[in-house]
Amino acid sequence: MERLPAAVCVGESMAVLLPDQPGPLEDVSSFHPASGGAEANVARGLVALGVPTAWVGRVGDDGFGRRVTRDLAAGGVDIRGVSVDSRRPTGLYVKEVGLGGSVLHYYRDGSAGSAIGPSVLDDPSAGPLLGGARLVHLSGITAALSDSALELTRELLLRPRDGQLVSFDLNWRPALWRRRGPGRPEAVLAPLLNAADIVLLGADEATAVLGTGDPAELRALLPGPATLVVKDDAHHATALTRRSTGAGDAVSGDSSVTEPALNVEVVEPVGAGDAFAAGYLTGTLRGYGPRRCLRLGHLAAAATLVVPGDHGPPPPPDLVDGLLRASAAEWAATTVRASGIGRPLVTGHAVPMARAEETDRSGAADRSVEEGSR
């Protein structure tokens, strides 16, 4: 019987042009190609942490589309559920690097990715992936792409699911929603958020969409999800997890856990939110408690913050395990740089720096989430 991945991410992946020098686009003499997109970034992050993952989406029948699928496959992502659109182009974004940070210029109107819709559920390749995964990951970006993409998002969130988890990252993109025309995006997004099992959102974007970034107030607005994760930029993240009495799943309120972010010497912030989602969801699939899930999210985000691209390889598994078990003081004293991770003295011995690129892939695989056989 065919083995299916543990997780499936649904959305748009795009080609990326990265400048070889900082400055205005008109002054950049050359670019180098890559690929990106929130849900595809999460898929790559899950795979890097040992979770077999597929990406379901659409690309154009063009060089950019072939680049996207090649990059995903090279990153270990299952691309069986990718369809090729012969009429629409692959979306593209171009990064502009300045003294004040990066600006992303998107060229995605009418893209192949925006044409995804409920028909994907009947696709002979994508349908079984979506039906058999332990986790399906979605975001507000897909909901904003088009009417058909919004319909698919609703279908995946509202259909009956037998033990399957559906996670939803708000990923607020006001420019995309403005292109959708008049209307209140919060009226669309709030029911989607409330229908998910796991919701991830930043306090700033929650304030923009829902009027508050306070975790308790957000929980009052979104009582449906079993877990609500609120990220306060580079400061900390809070997980509100529904608590049951143990008798017939009766709810007795939330447990709340807040975990500070690591000290990071940031190189580039783009992609860190997607990496955090990959880390948190990996911990969830492994059965970790909320604190370890938050720490794994912070670690994955930190590994991406210290590289110039959208994907940073996670630290070696033994270092990850040590940090997940570290005391609050040891965690707070840890610093992540492009050169490696510096940890404090532990039991009288200095822990050496560990370079992110020295990740032990075999060790990560030993703790990977097992694929389901269906």
Protein backbone atom coordinates (compact mmCIF):
# COMPACT_ATOMS: atom_id res chain seq x y z
CA MET A 1 0.00 0.00 0.00
CA GLU A 2 1.19 3.51 -0.81
CA ARG A 3 2.78 5.41 2.05
CA LEU A 4 1.45 8.90 2.59
CA PRO A 5 3.21 11.88 4.19
CA ALA A 6 2.30 12.91 7.72
CA ALA A 7 1.62 16.53 6.73
CA VAL A 8 0.35 18.39 3.67
CA CYS A 9 0.71 22.13 3.06
CA VAL A 10 -1.66 23.81 0.61
CA GLY A 11 -1.05 27.14 -1.09
CA GLU A 12 0.96 29.03 -3.67
CA SER A 13 4.68 28.64 -4.20
CA MET A 14 6.45 31.25 -6.28
CA ALA A 15 9.73 31.79 -8.02
CA VAL A 16 11.99 34.33 -6.32
CA LEU A 17 14.65 36.67 -7.69
CA LEU A 18 17.21 37.66 -5.05
CA PRO A 19 19.51 40.63 -5.76
CA ASP A 20 23.25 40.05 -5.72
CA GLN A 21 23.75 43.47 -4.14
CA PRO A 22 21.73 45.86 -1.96
CA GLY A 23 20.11 48.95 -3.39
CA PRO A 24 17.18 50.01 -5.57
CA LEU A 25 16.07 47.44 -8.13
CA GLU A 26 17.00 49.73 -11.00
CA ASP A 27 20.60 49.69 -9.82
CA VAL A 28 20.92 45.93 -9.30
CA SER A 29 22.95 44.36 -12.08
CA SER A 30 22.14 40.71 -11.41
CA PHE A 31 19.80 38.43 -9.48
CA HIS A 32 19.91 34.77 -8.58
CA PRO A 33 16.83 32.54 -8.63
CA ALA A 34 15.19 30.71 -5.74
CA SER A 35 11.67 29.77 -4.69
CA GLY A 36 9.39 30.70 -1.83
CA GLY A 37 5.84 31.06 -0.60
CA ALA A 38 4.52 30.67 2.93
CA GLU A 39 3.03 27.18 2.75
CA ALA A 40 5.92 25.82 0.70
CA ASN A 41 8.32 27.29 3.28
CA VAL A 42 6.44 25.47 6.03
CA ALA A 43 6.61 22.24 4.03
CA ARG A 44 10.38 22.56 3.66
CA GLY A 45 10.73 23.39 7.34
CA LEU A 46 8.72 20.33 8.38
CA VAL A 47 10.85 18.07 6.19
CA ALA A 48 14.05 19.56 7.60
CA LEU A 49 12.82 18.62 11.06
CA GLY A 50 12.06 15.04 10.02
CA VAL A 51 8.35 15.21 9.16
CA PRO A 52 7.44 13.64 5.78
CA THR A 53 5.49 16.43 4.07
CA ALA A 54 3.82 17.13 0.73
CA TRP A 55 3.01 20.45 -0.90
CA VAL A 56 -0.22 20.72 -2.89
CA GLY A 57 -0.52 23.60 -5.33
CA ARG A 58 -0.32 24.72 -8.94
CA VAL A 59 2.54 26.06 -11.06
CA GLY A 60 2.71 27.31 -14.61
CA ASP A 61 4.11 25.30 -17.50
CA ASP A 62 7.22 27.49 -17.52
CA GLY A 63 10.78 27.65 -16.28
CA PHE A 64 9.79 29.29 -13.01
CA GLY A 65 7.31 26.49 -12.32
CA ARG A 66 9.93 23.87 -13.03
CA ARG A 67 12.33 25.72 -10.72
CA VAL A 68 9.76 25.74 -7.91
CA THR A 69 9.01 22.02 -8.12
CA ARG A 70 12.71 21.17 -8.49
CA ASP A 71 13.59 23.17 -5.38
CA LEU A 72 10.81 21.59 -3.35
CA ALA A 73 11.80 18.09 -4.44
CA ALA A 74 15.45 18.81 -3.67
CA GLY A 75 14.34 19.88 -0.19
CA GLY A 76 12.67 16.51 0.33
CA VAL A 77 9.09 17.71 -0.15
CA ASP A 78 6.62 15.30 -1.78
CA ILE A 79 5.40 17.00 -4.98
CA ARG A 80 2.94 14.34 -6.18
CA GLY A 81 0.06 16.74 -5.54
CA VAL A 82 1.43 19.55 -7.72
CA SER A 83 -0.50 20.27 -10.90
CA VAL A 84 0.78 22.18 -13.95
CA ASP A 85 -1.36 24.91 -15.50
CA SER A 86 -0.72 25.39 -19.21
CA ARG A 87 -2.64 28.69 -19.36
CA ARG A 88 -1.38 30.68 -16.37
CA PRO A 89 2.15 31.64 -15.32
CA THR A 90 3.94 30.78 -12.11
CA GLY A 91 3.85 33.60 -9.57
CA LEU A 92 7.02 35.59 -8.93
CA TYR A 93 8.39 37.92 -6.31
CA VAL A 94 11.53 40.03 -6.37
CA LYS A 95 13.40 41.04 -3.23
CA GLU A 96 14.79 44.55 -2.87
CA VAL A 97 17.39 44.95 -0.12
CA GLY A 98 17.90 48.36 1.46
CA LEU A 99 19.35 49.86 4.62
CA GLY A 100 15.95 49.73 6.30
CA GLY A 101 15.38 46.06 5.48
CA SER A 102 13.94 44.10 2.59
CA VAL A 103 10.94 44.92 0.42
CA LEU A 104 9.21 42.17 -1.55
CA HIS A 105 7.65 43.02 -4.92
CA TYR A 106 4.99 40.49 -5.94
CA TYR A 107 3.90 39.57 -9.46
CA ARG A 108 1.18 37.01 -8.82
CA ASP A 109 -2.07 38.38 -10.29
CA GLY A 110 -3.62 35.72 -12.52
CA SER A 111 -1.02 33.17 -11.49
CA ALA A 112 -1.40 29.42 -11.72
CA GLY A 113 -1.29 29.20 -7.93
CA SER A 114 -4.25 31.53 -7.54
CA ALA A 115 -6.40 29.21 -9.66
CA ILE A 116 -6.34 26.38 -7.11
CA GLY A 117 -9.82 25.33 -5.99
CA PRO A 118 -12.01 22.55 -4.57
CA SER A 119 -11.42 20.38 -7.64
CA VAL A 120 -8.05 19.50 -6.09
CA LEU A 121 -9.92 17.30 -3.61
CA ASP A 122 -10.93 15.01 -6.49
CA ASP A 123 -7.49 14.97 -8.05
CA PRO A 124 -6.18 11.37 -8.15
CA SER A 125 -2.83 12.46 -6.72
CA ALA A 126 -3.62 15.40 -4.44
CA GLY A 127 -6.91 14.08 -3.08
CA PRO A 128 -5.47 11.04 -1.27
CA LEU A 129 -2.66 13.17 0.15
CA LEU A 130 -5.15 15.63 1.63
CA GLY A 131 -7.38 12.86 2.91
CA GLY A 132 -4.68 10.72 4.47
CA ALA A 133 -2.40 13.22 6.21
CA ARG A 134 -2.34 13.58 9.97
CA LEU A 135 -2.02 17.36 9.51
CA VAL A 136 -3.15 19.77 6.78
CA HIS A 137 -1.65 23.25 6.95
CA LEU A 138 -3.35 26.32 5.44
CA SER A 139 -3.00 30.07 5.65
CA GLY A 140 -4.85 33.31 5.10
CA ILE A 141 -2.73 33.96 2.02
CA THR A 142 -4.46 31.17 0.11
CA ALA A 143 -7.84 32.45 1.23
CA ALA A 144 -6.97 35.86 -0.25
CA LEU A 145 -5.77 34.65 -3.65
CA SER A 146 -9.11 34.10 -5.39
CA ASP A 147 -12.70 32.97 -4.90
CA SER A 148 -11.79 29.40 -5.82
CA ALA A 149 -8.83 29.35 -3.41
CA LEU A 150 -11.05 30.69 -0.64
CA GLU A 151 -13.63 28.00 -1.41
CA LEU A 152 -10.96 25.29 -1.12
CA THR A 153 -9.74 26.74 2.19
CA ARG A 154 -13.28 26.68 3.57
CA GLU A 155 -13.84 23.14 2.34
CA LEU A 156 -10.70 21.84 4.03
CA LEU A 157 -11.55 23.60 7.29
CA LEU A 158 -15.25 22.76 7.45
CA ARG A 159 -15.39 19.21 6.10
CA PRO A 160 -15.64 16.36 8.63
CA ARG A 161 -12.20 15.10 9.65
CA ASP A 162 -11.64 11.85 11.47
CA GLY A 163 -8.74 12.67 13.75
CA GLN A 164 -6.99 14.84 11.18
CA LEU A 165 -5.60 18.16 12.42
CA VAL A 166 -5.95 21.34 10.37
CA SER A 167 -3.66 24.26 11.19
CA PHE A 168 -4.22 27.80 9.97
CA ASP A 169 -1.67 30.62 9.99
CA LEU A 170 -3.30 34.04 9.66
CA ASN A 171 -0.45 35.39 7.48
CA TRP A 172 -2.13 38.76 7.04
CA ARG A 173 -1.42 40.29 3.63
CA PRO A 174 -3.46 43.52 3.31
CA ALA A 175 -2.35 44.15 -0.28
CA LEU A 176 -3.82 40.82 -1.38
CA TRP A 177 -7.12 41.54 0.33
CA ARG A 178 -7.31 45.01 -1.22
CA ARG A 179 -7.10 43.39 -4.64
CA ARG A 180 -10.13 41.28 -3.75
CA GLY A 181 -12.23 44.44 -3.78
CA PRO A 182 -14.55 45.98 -1.16
CA GLY A 183 -15.53 44.02 1.89
CA ARG A 184 -14.28 43.28 5.35
CA PRO A 185 -11.49 40.68 5.37
CA GLU A 186 -12.05 40.03 9.08
CA ALA A 187 -15.56 38.81 8.29
CA VAL A 188 -14.01 36.19 6.01
CA LEU A 189 -10.99 35.31 8.12
CA ALA A 190 -12.54 35.04 11.59
CA PRO A 191 -14.75 32.02 10.75
CA LEU A 192 -11.79 30.31 9.04
CA LEU A 193 -9.58 30.86 12.08
CA ASN A 194 -12.30 29.62 14.40
CA ALA A 195 -12.76 26.41 12.39
CA ALA A 196 -9.11 25.30 12.62
CA ASP A 197 -7.65 22.96 15.24
CA ILE A 198 -4.43 24.96 15.56
CA VAL A 199 -4.24 28.70 14.87
CA LEU A 200 -0.99 30.65 14.58
CA LEU A 201 -0.97 34.43 14.38
CA GLY A 202 1.17 37.41 15.27
CA ALA A 203 -0.09 39.87 17.84
CA ASP A 204 0.38 42.74 15.35
CA GLU A 205 -1.52 41.08 12.52
CA ALA A 206 -4.24 39.93 14.93
CA THR A 207 -4.68 43.54 16.00
CA ALA A 208 -4.98 44.62 12.36
CA VAL A 209 -7.59 41.97 11.51
CA LEU A 210 -9.42 41.22 14.77
CA GLY A 211 -8.84 44.38 16.77
CA THR A 212 -6.65 42.90 19.50
CA GLY A 213 -3.36 41.08 19.95
CA ASP A 214 -4.02 40.08 23.55
CA PRO A 215 -4.07 36.26 23.85
CA ALA A 216 -6.98 36.15 26.32
CA GLU A 217 -9.08 38.53 24.21
CA LEU A 218 -8.25 36.56 21.06
CA ARG A 219 -9.33 33.35 22.77
CA ALA A 220 -12.68 34.96 23.59
CA LEU A 221 -13.07 35.86 19.91
CA LEU A 222 -11.86 32.43 18.71
CA PRO A 223 -13.19 29.73 21.05
CA GLY A 224 -13.13 26.99 18.41
CA PRO A 225 -9.44 26.00 17.97
CA ALA A 226 -7.98 23.48 20.39
CA THR A 227 -4.76 25.51 20.35
CA LEU A 228 -4.19 29.22 19.78
CA VAL A 229 -0.58 30.39 19.36
CA VAL A 230 0.03 34.14 19.57
CA LYS A 231 3.49 35.41 18.58
CA ASP A 232 4.67 38.77 19.91
CA ASP A 233 7.29 39.56 17.28
CA ALA A 234 10.80 38.81 18.58
CA HIS A 235 9.79 38.82 22.24
CA HIS A 236 7.78 35.70 23.07
CA ALA A 237 4.99 33.38 22.00
CA THR A 238 1.99 32.18 23.98
CA ALA A 239 0.09 28.93 23.46
CA LEU A 240 -3.46 28.70 24.78
CA THR A 241 -4.45 25.04 24.79
CA ARG A 242 -7.91 23.78 25.55
CA ARG A 243 -7.95 21.74 28.71
CA SER A 244 -10.40 18.89 29.21
CA THR A 245 -11.69 17.42 32.46
CA GLY A 246 -11.06 13.92 31.15
CA ALA A 247 -14.75 13.11 31.37
CA GLY A 248 -16.41 13.17 27.98
CA ASP A 249 -14.05 15.86 26.66
CA ALA A 250 -15.79 18.51 28.74
CA VAL A 251 -13.84 21.77 28.55
CA SER A 252 -12.57 23.41 31.73
CA GLY A 253 -10.75 26.39 30.24
CA ASP A 254 -7.32 26.88 28.70
CA SER A 255 -3.83 26.17 29.87
CA SER A 256 -1.55 29.07 28.95
CA VAL A 257 2.19 28.79 28.35
CA THR A 258 4.46 31.66 27.31
CA GLU A 259 8.00 31.07 26.09
CA PRO A 260 10.50 33.84 25.28
CA ALA A 261 12.20 33.96 21.92
CA LEU A 262 15.93 33.31 21.68
CA ASN A 263 18.50 36.07 21.36
CA VAL A 264 19.21 36.23 17.63
CA GLU A 265 21.60 38.34 15.57
CA VAL A 266 19.20 38.78 12.66
CA VAL A 267 20.44 38.66 9.08
CA GLU A 268 17.05 38.56 7.29
CA PRO A 269 13.55 38.25 8.84
CA VAL A 270 11.72 36.91 5.77
CA GLY A 271 10.58 33.31 6.29
CA ALA A 272 10.98 33.24 10.07
CA GLY A 273 7.24 33.06 10.72
CA ASP A 274 6.90 30.07 8.41
CA ALA A 275 9.85 28.40 10.14
CA PHE A 276 8.22 28.98 13.53
CA ALA A 277 5.04 27.31 12.26
CA ALA A 278 7.05 24.33 11.00
CA GLY A 279 8.76 23.95 14.37
CA TYR A 280 5.58 24.25 16.40
CA LEU A 281 3.69 21.81 14.18
CA THR A 282 6.58 19.33 14.28
CA GLY A 283 6.41 19.37 18.06
CA THR A 284 2.65 18.85 17.94
CA LEU A 285 2.99 15.81 15.68
CA ARG A 286 5.64 14.38 18.01
CA GLY A 287 3.34 14.76 20.99
CA TYR A 288 5.40 17.43 22.74
CA GLY A 289 3.84 19.65 25.38
CA PRO A 290 3.13 23.33 24.62
CA ARG A 291 6.44 24.63 26.03
CA ARG A 292 8.56 22.29 23.91
CA CYS A 293 6.43 23.06 20.84
CA LEU A 294 7.00 26.79 21.38
CA ARG A 295 10.73 26.28 21.87
CA LEU A 296 11.01 24.20 18.72
CA GLY A 297 9.18 26.97 16.88
CA HIS A 298 11.59 29.58 18.24
CA LEU A 299 14.60 27.42 17.31
CA ALA A 300 13.40 26.91 13.75
CA ALA A 301 12.67 30.62 13.39
CA ALA A 302 16.10 31.54 14.76
CA ALA A 303 17.81 29.23 12.25
CA THR A 304 16.06 31.10 9.42
CA LEU A 305 16.67 34.57 10.86
CA VAL A 306 20.46 34.12 10.56
CA VAL A 307 20.52 33.24 6.84
CA PRO A 308 19.85 35.58 3.88
CA GLY A 309 17.21 33.31 2.28
CA ASP A 310 13.82 31.97 3.35
CA HIS A 311 15.11 28.64 4.69
CA GLY A 312 17.60 28.02 7.47
CA PRO A 313 18.63 24.44 8.28
CA PRO A 314 17.81 23.50 11.88
CA PRO A 315 20.60 22.96 14.41
CA PRO A 316 21.97 19.45 15.00
CA PRO A 317 19.38 17.20 16.68
CA ASP A 318 21.41 16.73 19.87
CA LEU A 319 21.65 20.50 20.30
CA VAL A 320 17.91 20.87 19.64
CA ASP A 321 17.14 18.21 22.25
CA GLY A 322 19.41 19.92 24.76
CA LEU A 323 17.74 23.27 24.25
CA LEU A 324 14.25 21.78 24.48
CA ARG A 325 15.23 20.39 27.91
CA ALA A 326 17.21 23.45 29.04
CA SER A 327 16.31 25.41 32.13
CA ALA A 328 14.71 28.83 31.72
CA ALA A 329 18.05 30.47 32.58
CA GLU A 330 19.98 28.37 30.05
CA TRP A 331 17.40 29.08 27.37
CA ALA A 332 17.49 32.83 28.05
CA ALA A 333 21.31 32.87 27.86
CA THR A 334 21.44 31.15 24.47
CA THR A 335 22.40 33.30 21.46
CA VAL A 336 21.96 32.38 17.80
CA ARG A 337 24.27 33.90 15.20
CA ALA A 338 25.15 33.16 11.59
CA SER A 339 28.33 31.57 12.92
CA GLY A 340 26.46 29.18 15.21
CA ILE A 341 24.65 28.83 18.52
CA GLY A 342 26.28 29.90 21.75
CA ARG A 343 25.06 28.25 24.91
CA PRO A 344 25.89 29.10 28.53
CA LEU A 345 27.87 26.97 30.96
CA VAL A 346 25.90 23.84 31.79
CA THR A 347 26.86 21.74 34.83
CA GLY A 348 30.26 23.39 34.87
CA HIS A 349 31.17 22.68 31.23
CA ALA A 350 31.02 25.04 28.29
CA VAL A 351 28.85 23.88 25.42
CA PRO A 352 30.70 24.58 22.14
CA MET A 353 29.27 26.56 19.28
CA ALA A 354 27.37 24.44 16.77
CA ARG A 355 27.08 25.60 13.20
CA ALA A 356 23.63 25.32 11.67
CA GLU A 357 25.01 23.89 8.42
CA GLU A 358 26.43 20.90 10.32
CA THR A 359 22.98 19.45 10.89
CA ASP A 360 23.09 15.67 11.34
CA ARG A 361 20.46 14.58 8.85
CA SER A 362 20.58 10.96 9.99
CA GLY A 363 19.90 12.01 13.56
CA ALA A 364 16.92 14.08 12.45
CA ALA A 365 15.54 11.11 10.59
CA ASP A 366 15.78 8.93 13.70
CA ARG A 367 13.16 11.11 15.36
CA SER A 368 11.04 11.74 12.30
CA VAL A 369 7.28 11.43 12.37
CA GLU A 370 6.38 8.11 10.85
CA GLU A 371 4.48 8.07 7.59
CA GLY A 372 1.05 6.52 7.60
CA SER A 373 0.39 3.42 5.50
CA ARG A 374 -2.89 3.61 3.71
